[in-house]
Amino acid sequence: MSAIYVLLIVSLLVAAGFLVAFLWSVNTGQYEDDYTPSVRILFDDPADDSTSGTEPSETASPPNDSNPHH
């Protein structure tokens, strides 16, 4: 029976910790920008100088149309 009390206290402390972390993140502005993540996929990435300059479509081989299972 005492284990239940210990687990209850520990779970309440963990829940209070998550509540404090959530309130801290709201107060520091973590949830302010709700528009940019939804359109980030539409923006082009800046050029990366570490690549060789070729696009994947330039180096890819053409599709193989000899598959008889179509």
C-alpha atoms as a PDB file:
ATOM      1  CA  MET A   1       0.000   0.000   0.000  1.00  0.00           C
ATOM      2  CA  SER A   2       2.891   2.350   0.687  1.00  0.00           C
ATOM      3  CA  ALA A   3       4.156   1.763  -2.871  1.00  0.00           C
ATOM      4  CA  ILE A   4       0.936   3.287  -4.180  1.00  0.00           C
ATOM      5  CA  TYR A   5       1.550   6.434  -2.137  1.00  0.00           C
ATOM      6  CA  VAL A   6       5.124   6.673  -3.405  1.00  0.00           C
ATOM      7  CA  LEU A   7       4.015   6.203  -7.018  1.00  0.00           C
ATOM      8  CA  LEU A   8       1.237   8.757  -6.565  1.00  0.00           C
ATOM      9  CA  ILE A   9       3.651  11.356  -5.218  1.00  0.00           C
ATOM     10  CA  VAL A  10       6.199  10.652  -7.948  1.00  0.00           C
ATOM     11  CA  SER A  11       3.562  10.887 -10.690  1.00  0.00           C
ATOM     12  CA  LEU A  12       2.272  14.181  -9.301  1.00  0.00           C
ATOM     13  CA  LEU A  13       5.817  15.557  -9.234  1.00  0.00           C
ATOM     14  CA  VAL A  14       6.399  14.471 -12.842  1.00  0.00           C
ATOM     15  CA  ALA A  15       3.076  16.014 -13.923  1.00  0.00           C
ATOM     16  CA  ALA A  16       3.964  19.244 -12.126  1.00  0.00           C
ATOM     17  CA  GLY A  17       7.342  19.245 -13.882  1.00  0.00           C
ATOM     18  CA  PHE A  18       5.679  18.894 -17.280  1.00  0.00           C
ATOM     19  CA  LEU A  19       3.238  21.680 -16.398  1.00  0.00           C
ATOM     20  CA  VAL A  20       6.100  23.978 -15.420  1.00  0.00           C
ATOM     21  CA  ALA A  21       7.980  23.116 -18.641  1.00  0.00           C
ATOM     22  CA  PHE A  22       4.867  23.808 -20.722  1.00  0.00           C
ATOM     23  CA  LEU A  23       4.192  27.129 -19.015  1.00  0.00           C
ATOM     24  CA  TRP A  24       7.836  28.126 -19.434  1.00  0.00           C
ATOM     25  CA  SER A  25       7.752  27.293 -23.160  1.00  0.00           C
ATOM     26  CA  VAL A  26       4.551  29.303 -23.663  1.00  0.00           C
ATOM     27  CA  ASN A  27       5.957  32.290 -21.778  1.00  0.00           C
ATOM     28  CA  THR A  28       9.220  32.267 -23.745  1.00  0.00           C
ATOM     29  CA  GLY A  29       7.407  32.322 -27.097  1.00  0.00           C
ATOM     30  CA  GLN A  30       7.950  28.774 -28.309  1.00  0.00           C
ATOM     31  CA  TYR A  31       4.438  28.648 -29.783  1.00  0.00           C
ATOM     32  CA  GLU A  32       4.341  32.142 -31.308  1.00  0.00           C
ATOM     33  CA  ASP A  33       5.055  31.263 -34.953  1.00  0.00           C
ATOM     34  CA  ASP A  34       2.314  28.973 -36.197  1.00  0.00           C
ATOM     35  CA  TYR A  35       2.487  30.033 -39.869  1.00  0.00           C
ATOM     36  CA  THR A  36       6.093  29.415 -40.929  1.00  0.00           C
ATOM     37  CA  PRO A  37       6.243  25.653 -40.226  1.00  0.00           C
ATOM     38  CA  SER A  38       3.257  25.042 -42.475  1.00  0.00           C
ATOM     39  CA  VAL A  39       4.864  26.780 -45.474  1.00  0.00           C
ATOM     40  CA  ARG A  40       8.537  25.956 -44.820  1.00  0.00           C
ATOM     41  CA  ILE A  41       8.380  23.089 -47.305  1.00  0.00           C
ATOM     42  CA  LEU A  42       7.504  25.576 -50.053  1.00  0.00           C
ATOM     43  CA  PHE A  43      10.653  27.684 -49.600  1.00  0.00           C
ATOM     44  CA  ASP A  44      13.812  26.868 -51.542  1.00  0.00           C
ATOM     45  CA  ASP A  45      16.876  25.973 -49.540  1.00  0.00           C
ATOM     46  CA  PRO A  46      19.884  28.259 -50.044  1.00  0.00           C
ATOM     47  CA  ALA A  47      22.643  26.873 -52.254  1.00  0.00           C
ATOM     48  CA  ASP A  48      24.944  24.489 -50.413  1.00  0.00           C
ATOM     49  CA  ASP A  49      28.620  24.833 -51.414  1.00  0.00           C
ATOM     50  CA  SER A  50      29.540  21.375 -50.116  1.00  0.00           C
ATOM     51  CA  THR A  51      27.775  19.577 -52.984  1.00  0.00           C
ATOM     52  CA  SER A  52      29.308  19.031 -56.397  1.00  0.00           C
ATOM     53  CA  GLY A  53      26.711  21.236 -58.068  1.00  0.00           C
ATOM     54  CA  THR A  54      24.783  18.463 -59.764  1.00  0.00           C
ATOM     55  CA  GLU A  55      21.131  17.939 -59.127  1.00  0.00           C
ATOM     56  CA  PRO A  56      19.905  14.408 -58.347  1.00  0.00           C
ATOM     57  CA  SER A  57      17.803  14.436 -61.511  1.00  0.00           C
ATOM     58  CA  GLU A  58      20.940  15.014 -63.622  1.00  0.00           C
ATOM     59  CA  THR A  59      22.772  12.018 -62.211  1.00  0.00           C
ATOM     60  CA  ALA A  60      19.844   9.602 -62.006  1.00  0.00           C
ATOM     61  CA  SER A  61      19.482   6.927 -64.652  1.00  0.00           C
ATOM     62  CA  PRO A  62      16.337   6.842 -66.778  1.00  0.00           C
ATOM     63  CA  PRO A  63      13.544   4.538 -65.595  1.00  0.00           C
ATOM     64  CA  ASN A  64      13.603   0.967 -66.801  1.00  0.00           C
ATOM     65  CA  ASP A  65      10.443   0.284 -68.827  1.00  0.00           C
ATOM     66  CA  SER A  66      11.233  -3.362 -69.480  1.00  0.00           C
ATOM     67  CA  ASN A  67       9.207  -4.624 -66.496  1.00  0.00           C
ATOM     68  CA  PRO A  68       6.761  -7.231 -67.919  1.00  0.00           C
ATOM     69  CA  HIS A  69       4.492  -7.035 -64.848  1.00  0.00           C
ATOM     70  CA  HIS A  70       2.782  -3.741 -65.804  1.00  0.00           C
END
